[in-house]
Amino acid sequence: MLKETWRFIDSGYGSPSFNMALDEALLEWNSEGKIPPVIRFYGWDPATLSIGYFQKAEKEIDMDAVKKHGLGFVRRPTGGRGVLHEHELTYSVIVSEDHPEMPKTVTEAYRVISEGILKGFHNLGMDAYFAVPKTAEERESLKNPRSSVCFDAPSWYELVVEGRKVAGSAQTRQKGVILQHGSILLDLDEDKLFSLFKYPNDRVKERMQRAFKSKAVAINELSRDKVTIGQAKEAFRKGFEEGLDIHLEPYELSAEEMEYVNKIAKDRYENDEWNFKR
């Protein structure tokens, strides 16, 4: 049987505003029937702190620390917590809610899409698996995560290796389209990450950082051989093809499409009203 062909875009390193604008544009084009489903890989220049759509920037983020580290800053259109995008492969998946392979619930659609990431970890020789929150307390903490840090908050169908979280994802549904994007950590500077958030006091910060270490891990902390960004792209591109049973066809944006993306970037994602609106 012929596999369905999806587009594959490797947009390389982009600014925070461009990265979010391109995800938004792809969602829009898919909703208008202009493009098929898309898998996109990207990186961040400069390294960036992104926050979830519902987070309160001024209450939760230490903007002086963000500036001190020379980081970009952007609010995502998706939920979830704060993510430091530095040594990672970032992915996004854009697919219609009506796609025959997409379950109706957010949780189940997340599991189906994340099959691609799971297979990617397997391609790197890592024993990754889905963990599901088992206790009532864990399930409750999904609704009200105490931490502002993404990899610290539990989620359904968590991707874990050796009991620790190895990828963080967020999802939104708009205009009949699912957008799921997330971070696959190659390396992680925990001290830098934890310096970016506000805490009641140093003791709380230290406790949370200790707890985080037991919950989250980067690929190169677990891998015997250092995984490069190129190796990660190859493993996860194949992973998405295997996990979603699709064929990926590379695509380059036209000049006209780029112009449209840059306009969204300028109008929304470079706008303080958007980034600090809560």
Protein backbone atom coordinates (compact mmCIF):
# COMPACT_ATOMS: atom_id res chain seq x y z
CA MET A 1 0.00 0.00 0.00
CA LEU A 2 1.23 3.50 -0.80
CA LYS A 3 2.24 5.56 2.22
CA GLU A 4 0.79 9.02 2.65
CA THR A 5 3.28 11.77 1.79
CA TRP A 6 3.76 14.57 4.30
CA ARG A 7 6.02 17.59 3.87
CA PHE A 8 9.31 17.76 5.71
CA ILE A 9 10.80 21.18 6.44
CA ASP A 10 14.20 21.62 8.07
CA SER A 11 14.19 25.37 8.58
CA GLY A 12 17.56 25.43 10.38
CA TYR A 13 18.30 28.03 13.06
CA GLY A 14 15.78 30.85 13.30
CA SER A 15 14.92 33.71 15.62
CA PRO A 16 12.32 33.06 18.35
CA SER A 17 9.72 35.14 16.50
CA PHE A 18 10.40 33.43 13.14
CA ASN A 19 10.18 29.96 14.69
CA MET A 20 6.77 30.59 16.24
CA ALA A 21 5.51 32.48 13.17
CA LEU A 22 6.40 29.62 10.83
CA ASP A 23 4.53 27.10 13.00
CA GLU A 24 1.52 29.44 12.97
CA ALA A 25 1.70 29.95 9.19
CA LEU A 26 1.92 26.20 8.55
CA LEU A 27 -1.14 25.65 10.73
CA GLU A 28 -3.02 28.33 8.77
CA TRP A 29 -2.00 26.97 5.35
CA ASN A 30 -3.00 23.46 6.37
CA SER A 31 -6.41 24.69 7.59
CA GLU A 32 -6.95 26.36 4.20
CA GLY A 33 -6.07 23.15 2.37
CA LYS A 34 -2.99 24.74 0.77
CA ILE A 35 -0.52 22.21 2.17
CA PRO A 36 -0.58 18.58 3.36
CA PRO A 37 0.47 17.64 6.94
CA VAL A 38 3.99 18.79 7.86
CA ILE A 39 6.85 17.67 10.07
CA ARG A 40 9.31 20.48 10.75
CA PHE A 41 12.72 20.49 12.47
CA TYR A 42 14.36 23.68 13.69
CA GLY A 43 16.85 25.31 16.04
CA TRP A 44 17.09 28.66 17.82
CA ASP A 45 19.40 31.64 17.22
CA PRO A 46 19.92 33.05 19.77
CA ALA A 47 19.21 30.33 22.37
CA THR A 48 15.76 31.19 23.70
CA LEU A 49 13.45 30.87 26.65
CA SER A 50 9.93 30.16 25.42
CA ILE A 51 6.96 30.24 27.75
CA GLY A 52 3.55 28.61 27.44
CA TYR A 53 0.54 30.57 26.22
CA PHE A 54 -1.01 30.73 29.71
CA GLN A 55 2.09 31.56 31.76
CA LYS A 56 2.45 34.89 33.55
CA ALA A 57 5.72 36.29 32.24
CA GLU A 58 6.34 39.00 34.84
CA LYS A 59 5.35 36.83 37.77
CA GLU A 60 7.29 33.70 36.77
CA ILE A 61 10.28 34.82 34.65
CA ASP A 62 13.44 36.67 35.72
CA MET A 63 13.85 38.86 32.64
CA ASP A 64 17.15 40.31 33.94
CA ALA A 65 18.60 36.78 33.90
CA VAL A 66 17.22 36.18 30.38
CA LYS A 67 19.02 39.35 29.22
CA LYS A 68 22.19 38.55 31.16
CA HIS A 69 22.51 35.21 29.36
CA GLY A 70 21.84 36.88 25.98
CA LEU A 71 18.77 34.73 25.40
CA GLY A 72 15.81 35.36 23.16
CA PHE A 73 12.33 35.32 24.68
CA VAL A 74 8.97 34.40 23.18
CA ARG A 75 5.49 33.26 24.20
CA ARG A 76 4.35 30.13 22.38
CA PRO A 77 0.84 29.71 20.96
CA THR A 78 0.74 26.36 22.80
CA GLY A 79 0.31 25.67 26.51
CA GLY A 80 2.86 24.08 28.78
CA ARG A 81 5.70 25.56 30.83
CA GLY A 82 8.99 27.39 30.26
CA VAL A 83 11.58 25.77 27.98
CA LEU A 84 15.22 26.77 27.42
CA HIS A 85 15.87 26.05 23.73
CA GLU A 86 19.62 25.68 23.47
CA HIS A 87 21.23 22.29 22.83
CA GLU A 88 18.24 20.58 21.29
CA LEU A 89 16.36 19.47 18.22
CA THR A 90 12.98 21.20 18.13
CA TYR A 91 10.20 19.61 16.11
CA SER A 92 6.68 20.57 15.10
CA VAL A 93 3.87 18.51 13.62
CA ILE A 94 0.98 20.15 11.78
CA VAL A 95 -1.94 17.90 10.85
CA SER A 96 -5.72 18.27 10.45
CA GLU A 97 -7.94 17.23 13.37
CA ASP A 98 -9.99 15.34 10.76
CA HIS A 99 -7.02 13.26 9.60
CA PRO A 100 -8.17 9.59 9.68
CA GLU A 101 -5.21 8.57 11.86
CA MET A 102 -5.71 11.35 14.43
CA PRO A 103 -7.75 10.53 17.55
CA LYS A 104 -10.24 13.16 18.69
CA THR A 105 -8.82 13.69 22.18
CA VAL A 106 -5.71 15.78 22.80
CA THR A 107 -4.16 13.06 24.96
CA GLU A 108 -4.57 10.26 22.41
CA ALA A 109 -3.48 12.46 19.48
CA TYR A 110 -0.41 13.35 21.52
CA ARG A 111 0.37 9.66 21.91
CA VAL A 112 -0.03 8.96 18.16
CA ILE A 113 2.19 11.90 17.13
CA SER A 114 4.75 11.05 19.81
CA GLU A 115 5.17 7.55 18.31
CA GLY A 116 7.46 9.30 15.84
CA ILE A 117 9.63 10.65 18.64
CA LEU A 118 9.62 7.31 20.44
CA LYS A 119 10.92 5.58 17.28
CA GLY A 120 13.55 8.31 16.91
CA PHE A 121 14.96 7.48 20.34
CA HIS A 122 14.97 3.80 19.42
CA ASN A 123 16.93 4.69 16.26
CA LEU A 124 19.55 6.24 18.53
CA GLY A 125 19.74 2.96 20.44
CA MET A 126 17.91 4.33 23.48
CA ASP A 127 15.36 2.33 25.43
CA ALA A 128 12.63 4.98 25.48
CA TYR A 129 9.03 4.25 26.39
CA PHE A 130 5.77 6.03 27.26
CA ALA A 131 5.04 6.50 30.95
CA VAL A 132 1.50 7.27 32.03
CA PRO A 133 0.72 9.09 35.32
CA LYS A 134 -0.56 6.30 37.58
CA THR A 135 -1.53 7.87 40.88
CA ALA A 136 -4.40 10.29 41.52
CA GLU A 137 -1.81 12.78 42.80
CA GLU A 138 0.19 12.59 39.56
CA ARG A 139 -2.96 13.02 37.49
CA GLU A 140 -4.00 16.01 39.59
CA SER A 141 -0.59 17.65 39.16
CA LEU A 142 -1.14 17.57 35.39
CA LYS A 143 -3.92 20.11 35.87
CA ASN A 144 -1.94 22.35 38.21
CA PRO A 145 1.81 21.94 37.67
CA ARG A 146 3.65 23.64 40.51
CA SER A 147 6.76 24.39 38.50
CA SER A 148 7.28 26.96 35.75
CA VAL A 149 9.80 24.62 34.12
CA CYS A 150 8.51 22.38 31.33
CA PHE A 151 10.61 19.30 31.98
CA ASP A 152 9.64 19.43 35.64
CA ALA A 153 5.90 19.07 35.01
CA PRO A 154 4.40 15.64 34.32
CA SER A 155 2.26 14.99 31.26
CA TRP A 156 0.31 12.14 29.73
CA TYR A 157 2.36 9.68 27.69
CA GLU A 158 5.64 11.09 28.95
CA LEU A 159 8.64 9.93 26.90
CA VAL A 160 11.16 8.54 29.34
CA VAL A 161 14.49 6.72 29.34
CA GLU A 162 15.65 5.02 32.54
CA GLY A 163 12.75 6.66 34.38
CA ARG A 164 13.61 10.23 33.36
CA LYS A 165 11.85 12.53 30.89
CA VAL A 166 13.73 12.99 27.59
CA ALA A 167 11.35 15.11 25.49
CA GLY A 168 8.84 17.83 26.31
CA SER A 169 5.93 18.67 24.01
CA ALA A 170 2.94 21.01 23.88
CA GLN A 171 -0.14 21.03 21.69
CA THR A 172 -2.79 23.45 20.48
CA ARG A 173 -5.80 23.03 18.20
CA GLN A 174 -6.89 25.97 16.08
CA LYS A 175 -8.89 26.27 12.85
CA GLY A 176 -9.44 22.50 12.80
CA VAL A 177 -5.67 21.81 12.87
CA ILE A 178 -3.41 20.20 15.49
CA LEU A 179 -0.06 21.87 16.13
CA GLN A 180 2.25 19.88 18.38
CA HIS A 181 5.79 21.06 18.94
CA GLY A 182 8.46 20.12 21.40
CA SER A 183 12.06 19.82 22.49
CA ILE A 184 14.35 16.84 22.20
CA LEU A 185 17.26 17.66 24.52
CA LEU A 186 20.79 16.78 23.41
CA ASP A 187 22.46 18.62 26.30
CA LEU A 188 21.17 20.77 29.15
CA ASP A 189 22.64 23.55 31.28
CA GLU A 190 20.53 23.13 34.42
CA ASP A 191 22.06 26.05 36.29
CA LYS A 192 21.27 28.40 33.43
CA LEU A 193 17.74 27.02 33.11
CA PHE A 194 16.96 27.45 36.79
CA SER A 195 18.41 30.97 36.89
CA LEU A 196 15.65 32.13 34.52
CA PHE A 197 12.67 31.69 36.86
CA LYS A 198 11.48 33.44 39.99
CA TYR A 199 11.25 31.52 43.27
CA PRO A 200 9.98 32.43 46.75
CA ASN A 201 13.52 31.88 48.07
CA ASP A 202 16.83 30.09 47.35
CA ARG A 203 15.84 27.02 49.35
CA VAL A 204 12.81 26.42 47.11
CA LYS A 205 14.96 26.94 44.02
CA GLU A 206 17.57 24.40 45.22
CA ARG A 207 14.89 21.87 46.12
CA MET A 208 13.23 22.20 42.72
CA GLN A 209 16.53 21.91 40.88
CA ARG A 210 17.40 18.76 42.83
CA ALA A 211 13.99 17.25 42.05
CA PHE A 212 14.35 18.23 38.40
CA LYS A 213 17.63 16.31 38.13
CA SER A 214 15.81 13.13 39.13
CA LYS A 215 13.01 13.71 36.61
CA ALA A 216 14.64 14.98 33.41
CA VAL A 217 17.69 14.07 31.38
CA ALA A 218 19.36 15.00 28.08
CA ILE A 219 20.32 12.45 25.41
CA ASN A 220 24.08 12.97 25.79
CA GLU A 221 23.92 12.28 29.52
CA LEU A 222 22.67 8.79 28.70
CA SER A 223 24.42 8.05 25.41
CA ARG A 224 27.87 6.44 25.37
CA ASP A 225 28.75 8.24 22.13
CA LYS A 226 27.95 11.95 21.80
CA VAL A 227 24.92 12.43 19.55
CA THR A 228 25.30 15.34 17.12
CA ILE A 229 22.42 17.47 15.86
CA GLY A 230 22.87 15.85 12.41
CA GLN A 231 22.55 12.34 13.86
CA ALA A 232 19.50 13.40 15.87
CA LYS A 233 17.80 14.84 12.77
CA GLU A 234 18.40 11.65 10.81
CA ALA A 235 17.16 9.41 13.66
CA PHE A 236 14.00 11.42 14.30
CA ARG A 237 13.17 12.02 10.62
CA LYS A 238 13.22 8.25 10.15
CA GLY A 239 11.38 7.89 13.47
CA PHE A 240 8.48 10.01 12.27
CA GLU A 241 8.28 8.05 9.01
CA GLU A 242 8.19 4.77 10.94
CA GLY A 243 6.02 5.89 13.85
CA LEU A 244 3.36 7.59 11.70
CA ASP A 245 3.76 5.22 8.73
CA ILE A 246 4.30 8.11 6.29
CA HIS A 247 6.74 9.22 3.61
CA LEU A 248 8.42 12.60 4.19
CA GLU A 249 9.19 14.80 1.21
CA PRO A 250 11.59 17.74 1.74
CA TYR A 251 10.14 21.17 1.08
CA GLU A 252 11.65 24.66 0.86
CA LEU A 253 9.52 27.72 1.50
CA SER A 254 9.02 30.12 -1.43
CA ALA A 255 10.04 33.79 -1.17
CA GLU A 256 6.35 34.73 -0.91
CA GLU A 257 5.78 32.25 1.92
CA MET A 258 8.85 33.55 3.77
CA GLU A 259 7.58 37.10 3.44
CA TYR A 260 4.27 36.09 5.01
CA VAL A 261 6.03 34.29 7.90
CA ASN A 262 8.26 37.30 8.57
CA LYS A 263 5.17 39.52 8.73
CA ILE A 264 3.55 37.29 11.40
CA ALA A 265 6.88 37.25 13.29
CA LYS A 266 7.04 41.06 13.34
CA ASP A 267 3.36 41.70 14.04
CA ARG A 268 2.85 39.12 16.78
CA TYR A 269 5.92 37.37 18.14
CA GLU A 270 8.19 40.42 18.34
CA ASN A 271 5.40 42.35 20.03
CA ASP A 272 5.62 42.95 23.79
CA GLU A 273 1.85 42.99 23.95
CA TRP A 274 1.87 39.30 22.92
CA ASN A 275 4.94 38.19 24.88
CA PHE A 276 4.02 39.93 28.15
CA LYS A 277 0.26 39.97 27.87
CA ARG A 278 -0.38 37.97 31.04
